[in-house]
Amino acid sequence: MGTARDVVTNLQDVKPAAIRGGARPSRVQMAYLRRGLEQPGGKLPLFDAAGQRISDRTVRSCIEQGWAEPWFNNPLKPDWLVCKLTDAGRMVADTGDDEGSDETHP
């Protein structure tokens, strides 16, 4: 039986890819990014407005696009990524259209 230590994500292991020009966030990604606009330091949520955990796929995709970056390791849940908006993510969330793209996943 595995433990939480088996799936710990270390900040040094998560690196954003080169920012790709023209990429647009999906509706899910846009909702995630916009929630960081109102938080101190641009902290992105671990849970959505309905109380469900934000998908790892959404978080990692936003990191890969350069819109989010890991902030610190969560000592209570070491397998969860605590992230914050990057300048590019803030710009996308601030100026993006209200709908986001029709994609639900990148």
C-alpha atoms as a PDB file:
ATOM      1  CA  MET A   1       0.000   0.000   0.000  1.00  0.00           C
ATOM      2  CA  GLY A   2       1.456   3.373  -1.066  1.00  0.00           C
ATOM      3  CA  THR A   3       1.698   6.425   1.095  1.00  0.00           C
ATOM      4  CA  ALA A   4       1.422  10.110   0.339  1.00  0.00           C
ATOM      5  CA  ARG A   5       5.212  10.205   0.247  1.00  0.00           C
ATOM      6  CA  ASP A   6       5.096   8.013  -2.891  1.00  0.00           C
ATOM      7  CA  VAL A   7       3.440  10.820  -4.861  1.00  0.00           C
ATOM      8  CA  VAL A   8       5.096  13.921  -3.410  1.00  0.00           C
ATOM      9  CA  THR A   9       5.598  16.637  -5.998  1.00  0.00           C
ATOM     10  CA  ASN A  10       8.740  18.643  -5.380  1.00  0.00           C
ATOM     11  CA  LEU A  11       8.798  22.196  -6.683  1.00  0.00           C
ATOM     12  CA  GLN A  12      12.099  21.683  -8.442  1.00  0.00           C
ATOM     13  CA  ASP A  13      10.492  18.851 -10.460  1.00  0.00           C
ATOM     14  CA  VAL A  14       7.768  21.098 -11.921  1.00  0.00           C
ATOM     15  CA  LYS A  15       9.006  23.513 -14.539  1.00  0.00           C
ATOM     16  CA  PRO A  16       6.904  25.651 -16.882  1.00  0.00           C
ATOM     17  CA  ALA A  17       7.490  25.081 -20.558  1.00  0.00           C
ATOM     18  CA  ALA A  18       8.425  27.936 -22.823  1.00  0.00           C
ATOM     19  CA  ILE A  19       5.379  30.168 -23.154  1.00  0.00           C
ATOM     20  CA  ARG A  20       3.590  29.358 -26.367  1.00  0.00           C
ATOM     21  CA  GLY A  21       2.202  32.381 -28.155  1.00  0.00           C
ATOM     22  CA  GLY A  22      -1.468  32.394 -28.994  1.00  0.00           C
ATOM     23  CA  ALA A  23      -2.559  29.673 -26.578  1.00  0.00           C
ATOM     24  CA  ARG A  24      -5.960  30.320 -25.026  1.00  0.00           C
ATOM     25  CA  PRO A  25      -7.192  28.777 -21.810  1.00  0.00           C
ATOM     26  CA  SER A  26     -10.231  26.524 -21.781  1.00  0.00           C
ATOM     27  CA  ARG A  27     -13.284  27.584 -19.779  1.00  0.00           C
ATOM     28  CA  VAL A  28     -12.111  25.445 -16.875  1.00  0.00           C
ATOM     29  CA  GLN A  29      -8.607  26.896 -16.996  1.00  0.00           C
ATOM     30  CA  MET A  30      -9.967  30.449 -17.275  1.00  0.00           C
ATOM     31  CA  ALA A  31     -12.184  29.969 -14.211  1.00  0.00           C
ATOM     32  CA  TYR A  32      -9.180  28.592 -12.308  1.00  0.00           C
ATOM     33  CA  LEU A  33      -6.908  31.472 -13.335  1.00  0.00           C
ATOM     34  CA  ARG A  34      -9.475  34.198 -12.628  1.00  0.00           C
ATOM     35  CA  ARG A  35      -9.929  33.022  -9.055  1.00  0.00           C
ATOM     36  CA  GLY A  36      -6.282  33.907  -8.462  1.00  0.00           C
ATOM     37  CA  LEU A  37      -6.847  37.536  -9.432  1.00  0.00           C
ATOM     38  CA  GLU A  38      -8.571  38.278  -6.130  1.00  0.00           C
ATOM     39  CA  GLN A  39      -6.236  36.331  -3.862  1.00  0.00           C
ATOM     40  CA  PRO A  40      -3.170  37.695  -2.067  1.00  0.00           C
ATOM     41  CA  GLY A  41      -0.082  37.008  -4.142  1.00  0.00           C
ATOM     42  CA  GLY A  42      -2.226  35.551  -6.938  1.00  0.00           C
ATOM     43  CA  LYS A  43      -2.695  32.256  -5.059  1.00  0.00           C
ATOM     44  CA  LEU A  44      -4.659  29.810  -7.170  1.00  0.00           C
ATOM     45  CA  PRO A  45      -7.350  27.685  -5.546  1.00  0.00           C
ATOM     46  CA  LEU A  46      -7.122  24.026  -4.651  1.00  0.00           C
ATOM     47  CA  PHE A  47     -10.922  23.698  -4.958  1.00  0.00           C
ATOM     48  CA  ASP A  48     -13.458  25.060  -7.422  1.00  0.00           C
ATOM     49  CA  ALA A  49     -16.528  27.144  -6.524  1.00  0.00           C
ATOM     50  CA  ALA A  50     -18.529  23.930  -5.937  1.00  0.00           C
ATOM     51  CA  GLY A  51     -15.951  22.609  -3.451  1.00  0.00           C
ATOM     52  CA  GLN A  52     -14.447  20.010  -5.800  1.00  0.00           C
ATOM     53  CA  ARG A  53     -10.679  19.648  -6.018  1.00  0.00           C
ATOM     54  CA  ILE A  54      -9.171  21.321  -9.092  1.00  0.00           C
ATOM     55  CA  SER A  55      -7.989  18.656 -11.519  1.00  0.00           C
ATOM     56  CA  ASP A  56      -4.247  17.958 -11.569  1.00  0.00           C
ATOM     57  CA  ARG A  57      -4.544  18.061 -15.352  1.00  0.00           C
ATOM     58  CA  THR A  58      -5.862  21.640 -15.224  1.00  0.00           C
ATOM     59  CA  VAL A  59      -3.137  22.746 -12.807  1.00  0.00           C
ATOM     60  CA  ARG A  60      -0.297  21.115 -14.743  1.00  0.00           C
ATOM     61  CA  SER A  61      -1.579  22.422 -18.058  1.00  0.00           C
ATOM     62  CA  CYS A  62      -1.644  25.980 -16.696  1.00  0.00           C
ATOM     63  CA  ILE A  63       1.927  25.508 -15.458  1.00  0.00           C
ATOM     64  CA  GLU A  64       3.008  24.178 -18.875  1.00  0.00           C
ATOM     65  CA  GLN A  65       1.446  27.187 -20.601  1.00  0.00           C
ATOM     66  CA  GLY A  66       3.311  29.534 -18.257  1.00  0.00           C
ATOM     67  CA  TRP A  67       0.099  30.909 -16.676  1.00  0.00           C
ATOM     68  CA  ALA A  68       0.770  29.427 -13.219  1.00  0.00           C
ATOM     69  CA  GLU A  69       3.802  28.429 -11.222  1.00  0.00           C
ATOM     70  CA  PRO A  70       4.274  26.265  -8.151  1.00  0.00           C
ATOM     71  CA  TRP A  71       4.439  28.426  -5.048  1.00  0.00           C
ATOM     72  CA  PHE A  72       5.286  26.134  -2.134  1.00  0.00           C
ATOM     73  CA  ASN A  73       4.996  22.557  -0.986  1.00  0.00           C
ATOM     74  CA  ASN A  74       1.830  21.796   0.976  1.00  0.00           C
ATOM     75  CA  PRO A  75       2.967  20.040   4.178  1.00  0.00           C
ATOM     76  CA  LEU A  76      -0.505  18.605   4.861  1.00  0.00           C
ATOM     77  CA  LYS A  77      -1.047  17.285   1.322  1.00  0.00           C
ATOM     78  CA  PRO A  78       2.395  16.935  -0.268  1.00  0.00           C
ATOM     79  CA  ASP A  79       0.930  15.530  -3.499  1.00  0.00           C
ATOM     80  CA  TRP A  80      -1.103  18.733  -4.140  1.00  0.00           C
ATOM     81  CA  LEU A  81       0.457  21.607  -6.065  1.00  0.00           C
ATOM     82  CA  VAL A  82      -0.077  25.012  -4.468  1.00  0.00           C
ATOM     83  CA  CYS A  83       0.333  27.511  -7.295  1.00  0.00           C
ATOM     84  CA  LYS A  84       0.122  31.205  -8.011  1.00  0.00           C
ATOM     85  CA  LEU A  85      -0.473  33.260 -11.125  1.00  0.00           C
ATOM     86  CA  THR A  86       2.474  34.304 -13.236  1.00  0.00           C
ATOM     87  CA  ASP A  87       2.501  37.693 -14.956  1.00  0.00           C
ATOM     88  CA  ALA A  88       1.391  35.930 -18.146  1.00  0.00           C
ATOM     89  CA  GLY A  89      -1.401  34.164 -16.257  1.00  0.00           C
ATOM     90  CA  ARG A  90      -2.570  37.431 -14.732  1.00  0.00           C
ATOM     91  CA  MET A  91      -2.647  39.019 -18.184  1.00  0.00           C
ATOM     92  CA  VAL A  92      -4.616  36.098 -19.671  1.00  0.00           C
ATOM     93  CA  ALA A  93      -7.088  36.083 -16.784  1.00  0.00           C
ATOM     94  CA  ASP A  94      -7.478  39.882 -16.843  1.00  0.00           C
ATOM     95  CA  THR A  95      -7.864  40.328 -20.584  1.00  0.00           C
ATOM     96  CA  GLY A  96      -9.250  36.969 -21.697  1.00  0.00           C
ATOM     97  CA  ASP A  97     -12.752  36.717 -23.073  1.00  0.00           C
ATOM     98  CA  ASP A  98     -15.543  35.691 -20.720  1.00  0.00           C
ATOM     99  CA  GLU A  99     -16.014  32.274 -22.261  1.00  0.00           C
ATOM    100  CA  GLY A 100     -12.505  30.921 -22.801  1.00  0.00           C
ATOM    101  CA  SER A 101     -12.038  28.422 -25.607  1.00  0.00           C
ATOM    102  CA  ASP A 102     -14.478  25.586 -26.167  1.00  0.00           C
ATOM    103  CA  GLU A 103     -11.885  23.010 -25.146  1.00  0.00           C
ATOM    104  CA  THR A 104     -12.398  21.427 -21.760  1.00  0.00           C
ATOM    105  CA  HIS A 105      -8.821  20.157 -21.680  1.00  0.00           C
ATOM    106  CA  PRO A 106      -5.638  21.451 -23.315  1.00  0.00           C
END
